[in-house]
C-alpha atoms as a PDB file:
ATOM      1  CA  MET A   1     -55.471 -72.743   4.421  1.00  0.00           C
ATOM      2  CA  LEU A   2     -54.374 -76.327   5.021  1.00  0.00           C
ATOM      3  CA  ILE A   3     -51.641 -76.098   2.403  1.00  0.00           C
ATOM      4  CA  ARG A   4     -50.421 -72.778   3.773  1.00  0.00           C
ATOM      5  CA  LYS A   5     -50.210 -74.248   7.266  1.00  0.00           C
ATOM      6  CA  HIS A   6     -47.851 -76.987   6.094  1.00  0.00           C
ATOM      7  CA  VAL A   7     -45.587 -74.868   3.897  1.00  0.00           C
ATOM      8  CA  PRO A   8     -43.073 -73.945   6.684  1.00  0.00           C
ATOM      9  CA  TRP A   9     -42.730 -77.594   7.673  1.00  0.00           C
ATOM     10  CA  ALA A  10     -42.163 -78.524   4.046  1.00  0.00           C
ATOM     11  CA  GLY A  11     -39.431 -75.927   3.875  1.00  0.00           C
ATOM     12  CA  PHE A  12     -37.709 -77.387   6.920  1.00  0.00           C
ATOM     13  CA  LEU A  13     -37.940 -80.882   5.476  1.00  0.00           C
ATOM     14  CA  VAL A  14     -36.401 -79.772   2.195  1.00  0.00           C
ATOM     15  CA  PHE A  15     -33.656 -77.992   4.126  1.00  0.00           C
ATOM     16  CA  GLY A  16     -33.069 -81.085   6.244  1.00  0.00           C
ATOM     17  CA  PHE A  17     -32.687 -83.328   3.215  1.00  0.00           C
ATOM     18  CA  ALA A  18     -30.354 -80.796   1.608  1.00  0.00           C
ATOM     19  CA  ILE A  19     -28.117 -80.725   4.672  1.00  0.00           C
ATOM     20  CA  THR A  20     -28.100 -84.509   4.915  1.00  0.00           C
ATOM     21  CA  ALA A  21     -27.058 -84.710   1.292  1.00  0.00           C
ATOM     22  CA  LEU A  22     -24.284 -82.210   1.891  1.00  0.00           C
ATOM     23  CA  GLY A  23     -22.992 -84.291   4.774  1.00  0.00           C
ATOM     24  CA  GLN A  24     -23.248 -87.681   3.060  1.00  0.00           C
ATOM     25  CA  GLY A  25     -21.442 -86.939  -0.161  1.00  0.00           C
ATOM     26  CA  PRO A  26     -22.771 -87.596  -3.668  1.00  0.00           C
ATOM     27  CA  PRO A  27     -24.723 -84.353  -4.338  1.00  0.00           C
ATOM     28  CA  ILE A  28     -22.015 -82.052  -2.954  1.00  0.00           C
ATOM     29  CA  ALA A  29     -19.353 -84.092  -4.700  1.00  0.00           C
ATOM     30  CA  ARG A  30     -20.912 -83.139  -8.040  1.00  0.00           C
ATOM     31  CA  MET A  31     -20.756 -79.440  -7.175  1.00  0.00           C
ATOM     32  CA  SER A  32     -17.916 -77.152  -8.103  1.00  0.00           C
ATOM     33  CA  ALA A  33     -15.627 -76.008  -5.308  1.00  0.00           C
ATOM     34  CA  GLU A  34     -17.283 -72.570  -5.160  1.00  0.00           C
ATOM     35  CA  GLN A  35     -20.763 -74.132  -5.136  1.00  0.00           C
ATOM     36  CA  GLN A  36     -19.745 -76.329  -2.215  1.00  0.00           C
ATOM     37  CA  VAL A  37     -18.486 -73.291  -0.327  1.00  0.00           C
ATOM     38  CA  GLN A  38     -21.682 -71.310  -0.902  1.00  0.00           C
ATOM     39  CA  ALA A  39     -23.890 -74.268   0.016  1.00  0.00           C
ATOM     40  CA  LEU A  40     -22.063 -74.804   3.305  1.00  0.00           C
ATOM     41  CA  ILE A  41     -22.092 -71.093   4.187  1.00  0.00           C
ATOM     42  CA  GLN A  42     -25.818 -70.843   3.484  1.00  0.00           C
ATOM     43  CA  SER A  43     -26.699 -74.004   5.381  1.00  0.00           C
ATOM     44  CA  GLY A  44     -24.584 -72.952   8.375  1.00  0.00           C
ATOM     45  CA  ALA A  45     -26.098 -69.468   8.497  1.00  0.00           C
ATOM     46  CA  HIS A  46     -29.615 -70.865   8.222  1.00  0.00           C
ATOM     47  CA  ALA A  47     -28.958 -73.390  10.977  1.00  0.00           C
ATOM     48  CA  ILE A  48     -27.845 -70.589  13.310  1.00  0.00           C
ATOM     49  CA  GLU A  49     -30.897 -68.531  12.357  1.00  0.00           C
ATOM     50  CA  VAL A  50     -33.272 -71.336  13.359  1.00  0.00           C
ATOM     51  CA  GLY A  51     -31.259 -72.182  16.474  1.00  0.00           C
ATOM     52  CA  ASP A  52     -29.858 -75.506  15.265  1.00  0.00           C
ATOM     53  CA  ALA A  53     -26.345 -75.304  16.732  1.00  0.00           C
ATOM     54  CA  PRO A  54     -25.364 -78.955  15.941  1.00  0.00           C
ATOM     55  CA  GLN A  55     -26.248 -78.565  12.253  1.00  0.00           C
ATOM     56  CA  ALA A  56     -24.402 -75.236  12.115  1.00  0.00           C
ATOM     57  CA  ARG A  57     -21.310 -76.871  13.577  1.00  0.00           C
ATOM     58  CA  ALA A  58     -21.497 -79.666  10.997  1.00  0.00           C
ATOM     59  CA  ALA A  59     -21.698 -77.227   8.080  1.00  0.00           C
ATOM     60  CA  TYR A  60     -18.913 -74.972   9.326  1.00  0.00           C
ATOM     61  CA  HIS A  61     -16.624 -77.912  10.159  1.00  0.00           C
ATOM     62  CA  GLN A  62     -16.933 -79.008   6.517  1.00  0.00           C
ATOM     63  CA  LEU A  63     -16.204 -75.451   5.407  1.00  0.00           C
ATOM     64  CA  LEU A  64     -13.159 -75.354   7.671  1.00  0.00           C
ATOM     65  CA  GLN A  65     -11.887 -78.591   6.183  1.00  0.00           C
ATOM     66  CA  LEU A  66     -12.326 -77.223   2.649  1.00  0.00           C
ATOM     67  CA  GLY A  67     -10.467 -74.058   3.595  1.00  0.00           C
ATOM     68  CA  ARG A  68      -7.546 -75.944   5.068  1.00  0.00           C
ATOM     69  CA  GLU A  69      -7.323 -78.454   2.223  1.00  0.00           C
ATOM     70  CA  ASN A  70      -7.272 -75.700  -0.400  1.00  0.00           C
ATOM     71  CA  GLY A  71      -5.111 -73.201   1.497  1.00  0.00           C
ATOM     72  CA  ARG A  72      -8.021 -70.718   1.618  1.00  0.00           C
ATOM     73  CA  LEU A  73      -7.428 -68.535   4.670  1.00  0.00           C
ATOM     74  CA  ASP A  74     -10.592 -66.586   3.906  1.00  0.00           C
ATOM     75  CA  LEU A  75     -12.656 -69.771   4.232  1.00  0.00           C
ATOM     76  CA  VAL A  76     -10.842 -70.687   7.439  1.00  0.00           C
ATOM     77  CA  GLY A  77     -11.779 -67.283   8.871  1.00  0.00           C
ATOM     78  CA  GLN A  78     -15.429 -67.652   7.819  1.00  0.00           C
ATOM     79  CA  ALA A  79     -15.638 -71.188   9.168  1.00  0.00           C
ATOM     80  CA  GLN A  80     -14.112 -70.276  12.539  1.00  0.00           C
ATOM     81  CA  HIS A  81     -16.480 -67.311  12.778  1.00  0.00           C
ATOM     82  CA  GLY A  82     -19.428 -69.597  12.051  1.00  0.00           C
ATOM     83  CA  LEU A  83     -18.270 -72.131  14.628  1.00  0.00           C
ATOM     84  CA  GLY A  84     -17.937 -69.327  17.162  1.00  0.00           C
ATOM     85  CA  ARG A  85     -21.463 -68.104  16.464  1.00  0.00           C
ATOM     86  CA  ALA A  86     -22.754 -71.649  16.758  1.00  0.00           C
ATOM     87  CA  ALA A  87     -21.089 -71.942  20.166  1.00  0.00           C
ATOM     88  CA  LEU A  88     -22.669 -68.658  21.233  1.00  0.00           C
ATOM     89  CA  ALA A  89     -26.058 -69.988  20.129  1.00  0.00           C
ATOM     90  CA  ALA A  90     -25.381 -73.035  22.300  1.00  0.00           C
ATOM     91  CA  HIS A  91     -24.495 -70.747  25.263  1.00  0.00           C
ATOM     92  CA  ASP A  92     -20.889 -71.919  25.304  1.00  0.00           C
ATOM     93  CA  PRO A  93     -18.848 -68.673  25.355  1.00  0.00           C
ATOM     94  CA  LEU A  94     -15.523 -70.363  26.165  1.00  0.00           C
ATOM     95  CA  THR A  95     -15.672 -72.505  23.010  1.00  0.00           C
ATOM     96  CA  ALA A  96     -16.911 -69.475  21.080  1.00  0.00           C
ATOM     97  CA  ILE A  97     -13.924 -67.423  22.238  1.00  0.00           C
ATOM     98  CA  ASP A  98     -11.504 -70.068  21.000  1.00  0.00           C
ATOM     99  CA  HIS A  99     -13.045 -70.200  17.507  1.00  0.00           C
ATOM    100  CA  LEU A 100     -13.545 -66.436  17.224  1.00  0.00           C
ATOM    101  CA  GLU A 101      -9.973 -65.619  18.187  1.00  0.00           C
ATOM    102  CA  GLN A 102      -8.826 -67.945  15.407  1.00  0.00           C
ATOM    103  CA  SER A 103     -11.240 -66.211  13.022  1.00  0.00           C
ATOM    104  CA  VAL A 104      -9.866 -62.781  13.919  1.00  0.00           C
ATOM    105  CA  ALA A 105      -6.304 -64.059  13.518  1.00  0.00           C
ATOM    106  CA  ALA A 106      -7.126 -65.380  10.031  1.00  0.00           C
ATOM    107  CA  TYR A 107      -8.644 -62.073   8.909  1.00  0.00           C
ATOM    108  CA  GLU A 108      -5.758 -60.067  10.299  1.00  0.00           C
ATOM    109  CA  GLN A 109      -3.290 -62.359   8.534  1.00  0.00           C
ATOM    110  CA  LEU A 110      -5.198 -61.825   5.283  1.00  0.00           C
ATOM    111  CA  ARG A 111      -5.152 -58.054   5.766  1.00  0.00           C
ATOM    112  CA  ALA A 112      -1.449 -58.041   6.545  1.00  0.00           C
ATOM    113  CA  SER A 113      -0.728 -60.074   3.399  1.00  0.00           C
ATOM    114  CA  GLY A 114      -2.811 -57.748   1.223  1.00  0.00           C
ATOM    115  CA  LEU A 115      -5.042 -60.644   0.099  1.00  0.00           C
ATOM    116  CA  SER A 116      -8.266 -59.497   1.732  1.00  0.00           C
ATOM    117  CA  GLY A 117      -9.649 -57.975  -1.473  1.00  0.00           C
ATOM    118  CA  GLU A 118     -12.395 -55.397  -1.114  1.00  0.00           C
ATOM    119  CA  THR A 119     -12.954 -56.088   2.595  1.00  0.00           C
ATOM    120  CA  PRO A 120      -9.787 -54.881   4.357  1.00  0.00           C
ATOM    121  CA  GLN A 121     -11.647 -54.379   7.641  1.00  0.00           C
ATOM    122  CA  ARG A 122     -13.823 -57.330   8.626  1.00  0.00           C
ATOM    123  CA  VAL A 123     -15.414 -56.359  11.943  1.00  0.00           C
ATOM    124  CA  GLU A 124     -18.004 -59.141  12.242  1.00  0.00           C
ATOM    125  CA  PRO A 125     -15.619 -61.595  13.973  1.00  0.00           C
ATOM    126  CA  TYR A 126     -14.586 -58.818  16.382  1.00  0.00           C
ATOM    127  CA  HIS A 127     -18.240 -58.128  17.217  1.00  0.00           C
ATOM    128  CA  SER A 128     -18.836 -61.781  18.031  1.00  0.00           C
ATOM    129  CA  LEU A 129     -15.558 -62.161  19.932  1.00  0.00           C
ATOM    130  CA  ILE A 130     -16.198 -59.132  22.145  1.00  0.00           C
ATOM    131  CA  THR A 131     -19.711 -60.372  22.901  1.00  0.00           C
ATOM    132  CA  ALA A 132     -18.379 -63.811  23.869  1.00  0.00           C
ATOM    133  CA  LEU A 133     -15.673 -62.319  26.084  1.00  0.00           C
ATOM    134  CA  MET A 134     -18.078 -60.012  27.905  1.00  0.00           C
ATOM    135  CA  MET A 135     -20.573 -62.876  28.308  1.00  0.00           C
ATOM    136  CA  GLN A 136     -17.880 -64.960  29.983  1.00  0.00           C
ATOM    137  CA  SER A 137     -16.777 -62.103  32.241  1.00  0.00           C
ATOM    138  CA  SER A 138     -17.875 -62.376  35.872  1.00  0.00           C
ATOM    139  CA  SER A 139     -16.368 -59.084  37.061  1.00  0.00           C
ATOM    140  CA  PRO A 140     -15.946 -55.541  35.654  1.00  0.00           C
ATOM    141  CA  VAL A 141     -12.169 -55.964  35.974  1.00  0.00           C
ATOM    142  CA  ASP A 142     -11.336 -59.584  35.057  1.00  0.00           C
ATOM    143  CA  GLN A 143      -9.151 -60.934  32.217  1.00  0.00           C
ATOM    144  CA  PHE A 144     -12.109 -61.240  29.839  1.00  0.00           C
ATOM    145  CA  VAL A 145     -12.811 -57.515  30.153  1.00  0.00           C
ATOM    146  CA  GLU A 146      -9.168 -56.812  29.346  1.00  0.00           C
ATOM    147  CA  ARG A 147      -9.244 -59.077  26.295  1.00  0.00           C
ATOM    148  CA  ALA A 148     -12.522 -57.553  25.118  1.00  0.00           C
ATOM    149  CA  PHE A 149     -11.024 -54.061  25.410  1.00  0.00           C
ATOM    150  CA  ALA A 150      -8.051 -55.132  23.270  1.00  0.00           C
ATOM    151  CA  GLY A 151     -10.388 -56.690  20.690  1.00  0.00           C
ATOM    152  CA  ALA A 152     -12.487 -53.508  20.488  1.00  0.00           C
ATOM    153  CA  ALA A 153      -9.382 -51.389  19.928  1.00  0.00           C
ATOM    154  CA  ARG A 154      -8.297 -53.651  17.069  1.00  0.00           C
ATOM    155  CA  ALA A 155     -11.797 -53.623  15.565  1.00  0.00           C
ATOM    156  CA  ARG A 156     -12.045 -49.820  15.558  1.00  0.00           C
ATOM    157  CA  ALA A 157      -8.572 -49.177  14.165  1.00  0.00           C
ATOM    158  CA  ASP A 158      -7.702 -49.115  10.467  1.00  0.00           C
ATOM    159  CA  ARG A 159      -4.353 -50.731  11.322  1.00  0.00           C
ATOM    160  CA  PRO A 160      -4.940 -52.986  14.343  1.00  0.00           C
ATOM    161  CA  GLU A 161      -1.292 -53.984  14.480  1.00  0.00           C
ATOM    162  CA  HIS A 162      -0.381 -50.373  15.285  1.00  0.00           C
ATOM    163  CA  VAL A 163      -2.737 -50.016  18.258  1.00  0.00           C
ATOM    164  CA  ARG A 164      -0.916 -49.346  21.523  1.00  0.00           C
ATOM    165  CA  SER A 165      -1.369 -51.718  24.434  1.00  0.00           C
ATOM    166  CA  ARG A 166      -3.408 -50.530  27.382  1.00  0.00           C
ATOM    167  CA  ALA A 167      -0.315 -50.792  29.588  1.00  0.00           C
ATOM    168  CA  ASP A 168       1.457 -48.240  27.370  1.00  0.00           C
ATOM    169  CA  LEU A 169      -1.588 -45.979  27.311  1.00  0.00           C
ATOM    170  CA  ALA A 170      -2.134 -46.189  31.075  1.00  0.00           C
ATOM    171  CA  ALA A 171       1.524 -45.425  31.806  1.00  0.00           C
ATOM    172  CA  ALA A 172       1.251 -42.189  29.811  1.00  0.00           C
ATOM    173  CA  LEU A 173      -1.841 -40.946  31.690  1.00  0.00           C
ATOM    174  CA  GLY A 174      -1.487 -38.287  34.360  1.00  0.00           C
ATOM    175  CA  ALA A 175      -3.224 -38.010  37.706  1.00  0.00           C
ATOM    176  CA  GLY A 176      -6.867 -37.119  37.142  1.00  0.00           C
ATOM    177  CA  ASP A 177      -6.885 -38.446  33.546  1.00  0.00           C
ATOM    178  CA  MET A 178      -9.490 -40.955  32.392  1.00  0.00           C
ATOM    179  CA  VAL A 179     -10.009 -42.656  29.020  1.00  0.00           C
ATOM    180  CA  ILE A 180     -13.452 -43.985  28.021  1.00  0.00           C
ATOM    181  CA  THR A 181     -13.684 -46.119  24.898  1.00  0.00           C
ATOM    182  CA  PHE A 182     -16.917 -47.231  23.248  1.00  0.00           C
ATOM    183  CA  PHE A 183     -17.747 -50.196  21.044  1.00  0.00           C
ATOM    184  CA  VAL A 184     -21.153 -50.357  19.345  1.00  0.00           C
ATOM    185  CA  GLY A 185     -21.675 -53.773  17.790  1.00  0.00           C
ATOM    186  CA  GLU A 186     -24.590 -55.331  15.936  1.00  0.00           C
ATOM    187  CA  SER A 187     -26.683 -56.335  18.952  1.00  0.00           C
ATOM    188  CA  GLN A 188     -24.612 -55.263  21.969  1.00  0.00           C
ATOM    189  CA  ALA A 189     -22.646 -52.177  22.953  1.00  0.00           C
ATOM    190  CA  TYR A 190     -19.951 -51.842  25.616  1.00  0.00           C
ATOM    191  CA  ALA A 191     -17.684 -49.248  27.185  1.00  0.00           C
ATOM    192  CA  TRP A 192     -14.352 -49.492  28.952  1.00  0.00           C
ATOM    193  CA  ALA A 193     -12.946 -46.811  31.267  1.00  0.00           C
ATOM    194  CA  PHE A 194      -9.367 -46.788  32.488  1.00  0.00           C
ATOM    195  CA  ASP A 195      -6.893 -44.595  34.314  1.00  0.00           C
ATOM    196  CA  ARG A 196      -3.322 -45.322  35.395  1.00  0.00           C
ATOM    197  CA  ASN A 197      -4.341 -48.188  37.659  1.00  0.00           C
ATOM    198  CA  THR A 198      -7.736 -49.639  36.741  1.00  0.00           C
ATOM    199  CA  LEU A 199      -9.773 -50.877  33.767  1.00  0.00           C
ATOM    200  CA  ILE A 200     -13.543 -51.214  34.148  1.00  0.00           C
ATOM    201  CA  GLY A 201     -15.882 -52.666  31.508  1.00  0.00           C
ATOM    202  CA  TYR A 202     -19.629 -52.097  31.463  1.00  0.00           C
ATOM    203  CA  LEU A 203     -22.655 -52.709  29.269  1.00  0.00           C
ATOM    204  CA  LEU A 204     -24.260 -49.876  27.290  1.00  0.00           C
ATOM    205  CA  PRO A 205     -27.855 -49.603  26.066  1.00  0.00           C
ATOM    206  CA  PRO A 206     -28.658 -51.577  22.893  1.00  0.00           C
ATOM    207  CA  PRO A 207     -27.127 -50.129  19.710  1.00  0.00           C
ATOM    208  CA  ALA A 208     -30.552 -49.218  18.266  1.00  0.00           C
ATOM    209  CA  GLU A 209     -31.362 -47.147  21.363  1.00  0.00           C
ATOM    210  CA  ILE A 210     -27.985 -45.401  21.207  1.00  0.00           C
ATOM    211  CA  ALA A 211     -28.466 -44.530  17.535  1.00  0.00           C
ATOM    212  CA  ALA A 212     -31.974 -43.174  18.194  1.00  0.00           C
ATOM    213  CA  ALA A 213     -30.782 -41.056  21.132  1.00  0.00           C
ATOM    214  CA  VAL A 214     -27.910 -39.557  19.123  1.00  0.00           C
ATOM    215  CA  GLU A 215     -30.272 -38.727  16.265  1.00  0.00           C
ATOM    216  CA  ARG A 216     -32.721 -37.008  18.616  1.00  0.00           C
ATOM    217  CA  VAL A 217     -29.993 -35.031  20.392  1.00  0.00           C
ATOM    218  CA  ASN A 218     -28.637 -33.752  17.089  1.00  0.00           C
ATOM    219  CA  ALA A 219     -32.136 -32.895  15.860  1.00  0.00           C
ATOM    220  CA  TYR A 220     -32.876 -30.851  18.987  1.00  0.00           C
ATOM    221  CA  ALA A 221     -29.471 -29.177  18.792  1.00  0.00           C
ATOM    222  CA  ALA A 222     -30.108 -28.181  15.159  1.00  0.00           C
ATOM    223  CA  GLN A 223     -33.346 -26.529  16.306  1.00  0.00           C
ATOM    224  CA  ASN A 224     -31.583 -24.754  19.191  1.00  0.00           C
ATOM    225  CA  ASP A 225     -33.949 -26.618  21.528  1.00  0.00           C
ATOM    226  CA  ARG A 226     -31.848 -26.780  24.680  1.00  0.00           C
ATOM    227  CA  ALA A 227     -34.660 -28.286  26.736  1.00  0.00           C
ATOM    228  CA  GLY A 228     -35.003 -31.136  24.236  1.00  0.00           C
ATOM    229  CA  VAL A 229     -31.262 -31.806  24.303  1.00  0.00           C
ATOM    230  CA  GLU A 230     -31.310 -31.912  28.097  1.00  0.00           C
ATOM    231  CA  ARG A 231     -34.224 -34.372  28.169  1.00  0.00           C
ATOM    232  CA  ILE A 232     -32.301 -36.893  26.049  1.00  0.00           C
ATOM    233  CA  ALA A 233     -28.974 -36.217  27.780  1.00  0.00           C
ATOM    234  CA  ASP A 234     -30.513 -36.851  31.211  1.00  0.00           C
ATOM    235  CA  ASP A 235     -30.806 -40.546  30.283  1.00  0.00           C
ATOM    236  CA  LEU A 236     -28.034 -40.922  27.698  1.00  0.00           C
ATOM    237  CA  MET A 237     -25.074 -39.401  29.544  1.00  0.00           C
ATOM    238  CA  PRO A 238     -25.358 -41.442  32.775  1.00  0.00           C
ATOM    239  CA  ALA A 239     -25.600 -44.582  30.613  1.00  0.00           C
ATOM    240  CA  LEU A 240     -22.503 -43.658  28.574  1.00  0.00           C
ATOM    241  CA  LEU A 241     -20.445 -42.603  31.593  1.00  0.00           C
ATOM    242  CA  GLY A 242     -21.513 -45.538  33.761  1.00  0.00           C
ATOM    243  CA  PRO A 243     -19.322 -45.900  36.865  1.00  0.00           C
ATOM    244  CA  VAL A 244     -17.241 -42.884  35.816  1.00  0.00           C
ATOM    245  CA  LEU A 245     -20.142 -40.525  36.573  1.00  0.00           C
ATOM    246  CA  ASP A 246     -19.448 -40.552  40.317  1.00  0.00           C
ATOM    247  CA  ARG A 247     -15.746 -39.854  39.700  1.00  0.00           C
ATOM    248  CA  ILE A 248     -16.247 -36.702  37.624  1.00  0.00           C
ATOM    249  CA  PRO A 249     -15.502 -34.301  40.527  1.00  0.00           C
ATOM    250  CA  ALA A 250     -12.074 -35.924  41.038  1.00  0.00           C
ATOM    251  CA  LEU A 251     -11.092 -35.852  37.346  1.00  0.00           C
ATOM    252  CA  THR A 252      -9.301 -33.153  35.379  1.00  0.00           C
ATOM    253  CA  ARG A 253      -9.494 -34.698  31.896  1.00  0.00           C
ATOM    254  CA  VAL A 254     -11.540 -37.281  29.987  1.00  0.00           C
ATOM    255  CA  ILE A 255     -10.562 -38.608  26.554  1.00  0.00           C
ATOM    256  CA  PHE A 256     -13.281 -40.424  24.607  1.00  0.00           C
ATOM    257  CA  VAL A 257     -12.715 -42.973  21.851  1.00  0.00           C
ATOM    258  CA  MET A 258     -15.986 -42.928  19.927  1.00  0.00           C
ATOM    259  CA  ASP A 259     -17.543 -45.667  17.796  1.00  0.00           C
ATOM    260  CA  GLY A 260     -20.528 -46.185  15.510  1.00  0.00           C
ATOM    261  CA  PRO A 261     -23.318 -43.594  15.868  1.00  0.00           C
ATOM    262  CA  LEU A 262     -21.525 -42.074  18.868  1.00  0.00           C
ATOM    263  CA  ARG A 263     -19.049 -40.536  16.399  1.00  0.00           C
ATOM    264  CA  GLN A 264     -21.855 -38.078  15.564  1.00  0.00           C
ATOM    265  CA  LEU A 265     -22.249 -36.979  19.195  1.00  0.00           C
ATOM    266  CA  SER A 266     -20.640 -33.858  20.702  1.00  0.00           C
ATOM    267  CA  ILE A 267     -20.391 -35.594  24.032  1.00  0.00           C
ATOM    268  CA  GLY A 268     -18.463 -32.854  25.826  1.00  0.00           C
ATOM    269  CA  GLU A 269     -21.244 -30.341  25.209  1.00  0.00           C
ATOM    270  CA  LEU A 270     -24.006 -32.403  26.781  1.00  0.00           C
ATOM    271  CA  PRO A 271     -25.163 -31.906  30.374  1.00  0.00           C
ATOM    272  CA  ILE A 272     -24.506 -34.940  32.528  1.00  0.00           C
ATOM    273  CA  GLY A 273     -27.979 -35.122  34.065  1.00  0.00           C
ATOM    274  CA  ASP A 274     -30.034 -33.632  36.922  1.00  0.00           C
ATOM    275  CA  GLY A 275     -29.422 -30.069  35.761  1.00  0.00           C
ATOM    276  CA  LYS A 276     -25.637 -30.399  36.012  1.00  0.00           C
ATOM    277  CA  PRO A 277     -23.438 -28.543  33.500  1.00  0.00           C
ATOM    278  CA  SER A 278     -21.774 -30.176  30.520  1.00  0.00           C
ATOM    279  CA  LEU A 279     -18.495 -32.057  30.862  1.00  0.00           C
ATOM    280  CA  SER A 280     -16.542 -29.355  29.031  1.00  0.00           C
ATOM    281  CA  ARG A 281     -17.628 -26.855  31.727  1.00  0.00           C
ATOM    282  CA  ARG A 282     -16.101 -29.031  34.436  1.00  0.00           C
ATOM    283  CA  LEU A 283     -12.964 -30.571  32.933  1.00  0.00           C
ATOM    284  CA  SER A 284     -10.931 -31.022  29.768  1.00  0.00           C
ATOM    285  CA  VAL A 285     -12.712 -33.152  27.150  1.00  0.00           C
ATOM    286  CA  SER A 286     -11.430 -34.509  23.835  1.00  0.00           C
ATOM    287  CA  THR A 287     -12.547 -37.183  21.354  1.00  0.00           C
ATOM    288  CA  VAL A 288     -10.132 -39.239  19.237  1.00  0.00           C
ATOM    289  CA  ASP A 289      -9.792 -42.545  17.419  1.00  0.00           C
ATOM    290  CA  ASP A 290      -7.595 -45.422  18.530  1.00  0.00           C
ATOM    291  CA  GLY A 291      -4.764 -44.505  16.193  1.00  0.00           C
ATOM    292  CA  SER A 292      -4.243 -41.088  17.784  1.00  0.00           C
ATOM    293  CA  LEU A 293      -5.130 -41.916  21.392  1.00  0.00           C
ATOM    294  CA  PHE A 294      -1.528 -42.172  22.561  1.00  0.00           C
ATOM    295  CA  GLU A 295      -0.643 -38.806  21.004  1.00  0.00           C
ATOM    296  CA  GLU A 296      -3.720 -37.191  22.556  1.00  0.00           C
ATOM    297  CA  ILE A 297      -2.742 -38.472  25.995  1.00  0.00           C
ATOM    298  CA  GLY A 298       0.648 -36.799  25.570  1.00  0.00           C
ATOM    299  CA  ARG A 299      -0.861 -33.390  24.798  1.00  0.00           C
ATOM    300  CA  ALA A 300      -1.442 -30.853  27.542  1.00  0.00           C
ATOM    301  CA  ALA A 301      -5.021 -30.849  28.766  1.00  0.00           C
ATOM    302  CA  SER A 302      -7.106 -27.906  27.622  1.00  0.00           C
ATOM    303  CA  GLN A 303      -8.690 -25.730  30.271  1.00  0.00           C
ATOM    304  CA  PRO A 304     -12.406 -26.286  30.898  1.00  0.00           C
ATOM    305  CA  GLN A 305     -14.785 -23.442  30.178  1.00  0.00           C
ATOM    306  CA  PRO A 306     -15.941 -22.208  33.601  1.00  0.00           C
ATOM    307  CA  PRO A 307     -19.682 -21.582  33.829  1.00  0.00           C
ATOM    308  CA  SER A 308     -20.577 -17.932  34.338  1.00  0.00           C
ATOM    309  CA  ALA A 309     -22.615 -16.945  37.380  1.00  0.00           C
ATOM    310  CA  TRP A 310     -24.279 -14.107  35.431  1.00  0.00           C
ATOM    311  CA  PRO A 311     -27.184 -14.693  33.045  1.00  0.00           C
ATOM    312  CA  MET A 312     -26.725 -13.694  29.399  1.00  0.00           C
ATOM    313  CA  ALA A 313     -28.764 -10.470  29.646  1.00  0.00           C
ATOM    314  CA  THR A 314     -26.684  -9.306  32.614  1.00  0.00           C
ATOM    315  CA  ARG A 315     -23.449 -10.053  30.767  1.00  0.00           C
ATOM    316  CA  VAL A 316     -24.592  -8.083  27.713  1.00  0.00           C
ATOM    317  CA  ALA A 317     -25.650  -5.132  29.834  1.00  0.00           C
ATOM    318  CA  GLY A 318     -22.360  -5.235  31.697  1.00  0.00           C
ATOM    319  CA  ALA A 319     -20.421  -5.237  28.434  1.00  0.00           C
ATOM    320  CA  ILE A 320     -22.349  -2.178  27.220  1.00  0.00           C
ATOM    321  CA  ILE A 321     -21.686  -0.282  30.460  1.00  0.00           C
ATOM    322  CA  ILE A 322     -17.989  -1.117  30.333  1.00  0.00           C
ATOM    323  CA  GLY A 323     -17.880   0.107  26.724  1.00  0.00           C
ATOM    324  CA  ILE A 324     -19.535   3.419  27.675  1.00  0.00           C
ATOM    325  CA  LEU A 325     -17.120   3.915  30.569  1.00  0.00           C
ATOM    326  CA  LEU A 326     -14.131   3.262  28.304  1.00  0.00           C
ATOM    327  CA  VAL A 327     -15.349   5.800  25.728  1.00  0.00           C
ATOM    328  CA  ALA A 328     -15.985   8.369  28.454  1.00  0.00           C
ATOM    329  CA  GLY A 329     -12.539   7.734  29.922  1.00  0.00           C
ATOM    330  CA  VAL A 330     -10.848   8.276  26.578  1.00  0.00           C
ATOM    331  CA  ALA A 331     -12.782  11.519  26.078  1.00  0.00           C
ATOM    332  CA  VAL A 332     -11.668  12.802  29.484  1.00  0.00           C
ATOM    333  CA  LEU A 333      -8.047  11.972  28.775  1.00  0.00           C
ATOM    334  CA  ARG A 334      -8.196  13.803  25.443  1.00  0.00           C
ATOM    335  CA  ARG A 335      -9.749  16.864  27.068  1.00  0.00           C
ATOM    336  CA  ARG A 336      -7.046  17.005  29.745  1.00  0.00           C
ATOM    337  CA  SER A 337      -4.383  16.576  27.076  1.00  0.00           C
ATOM    338  CA  SER A 338      -5.776  19.511  25.054  1.00  0.00           C
ATOM    339  CA  ILE A 339      -5.920  21.750  28.136  1.00  0.00           C
ATOM    340  CA  ALA A 340      -2.319  20.952  28.931  1.00  0.00           C
END
């Protein structure tokens, strides 16, 4: 038992000596270039995991220097991402934003040059950048919300350089149009809603809760369990719509840009809580990705499906009666024609 109690401390001591050696020179100097890179990445990641922001910064600064000295843009991107995460761990979102924006720029430059190998879409720096921006935001409508929205659009798109600016998108919207975009990251999820004049950002439930809710909704829907779907939707839909919920009566169209597990959700078919009908019964609803958002805005809005005041049994009975009357009417017309 005594030995087991001291094992974690021994591990930390070994790690501490390893990091010191990496910083001081001789052991890392005898490593190959790739071994140095891997050692620094591992030590930086471990330092962040145990909450040692200064040690993480030291490791990633060395990695950044290696990347710059060897013209390795991929290492520059990794190092800037690590420095950004270290700043987040130290509760310094402004410094994190600076490093993470440089990390995103490095990855996008790699993708544009075709040198990004098997990882053409690196979303981890975007996740961290959006989190830092929303942490720094002090208002649902400030500049950090705007920058986070732009970062989410670039993260979701296959070709971020082709994503339209929000100013272009907003100018194309009509009166009564609203766009709601979602971003589901690793530990945080956000939504942004905008019309012709306003952009509002708001926090969503944790990604794990969103994924569980979507799975349960789809399971109930597959079983034709409407009551089960409504139970989940009563909590999920108000959370996803956020401040837009109160504006539904004044809207004519909502366009959703889905992300993560929300791509598996038929959001227009879900009731919006408190026994209210689904969105598609009240207004035009469509779901798109970032690449086709501008084209979707330019299309004419589809007409919502008005809810019927008659129950299903009454509608069926009415259809049968109408059918009988039509058959009887045709028979009468034929009889009069034969008499004539």
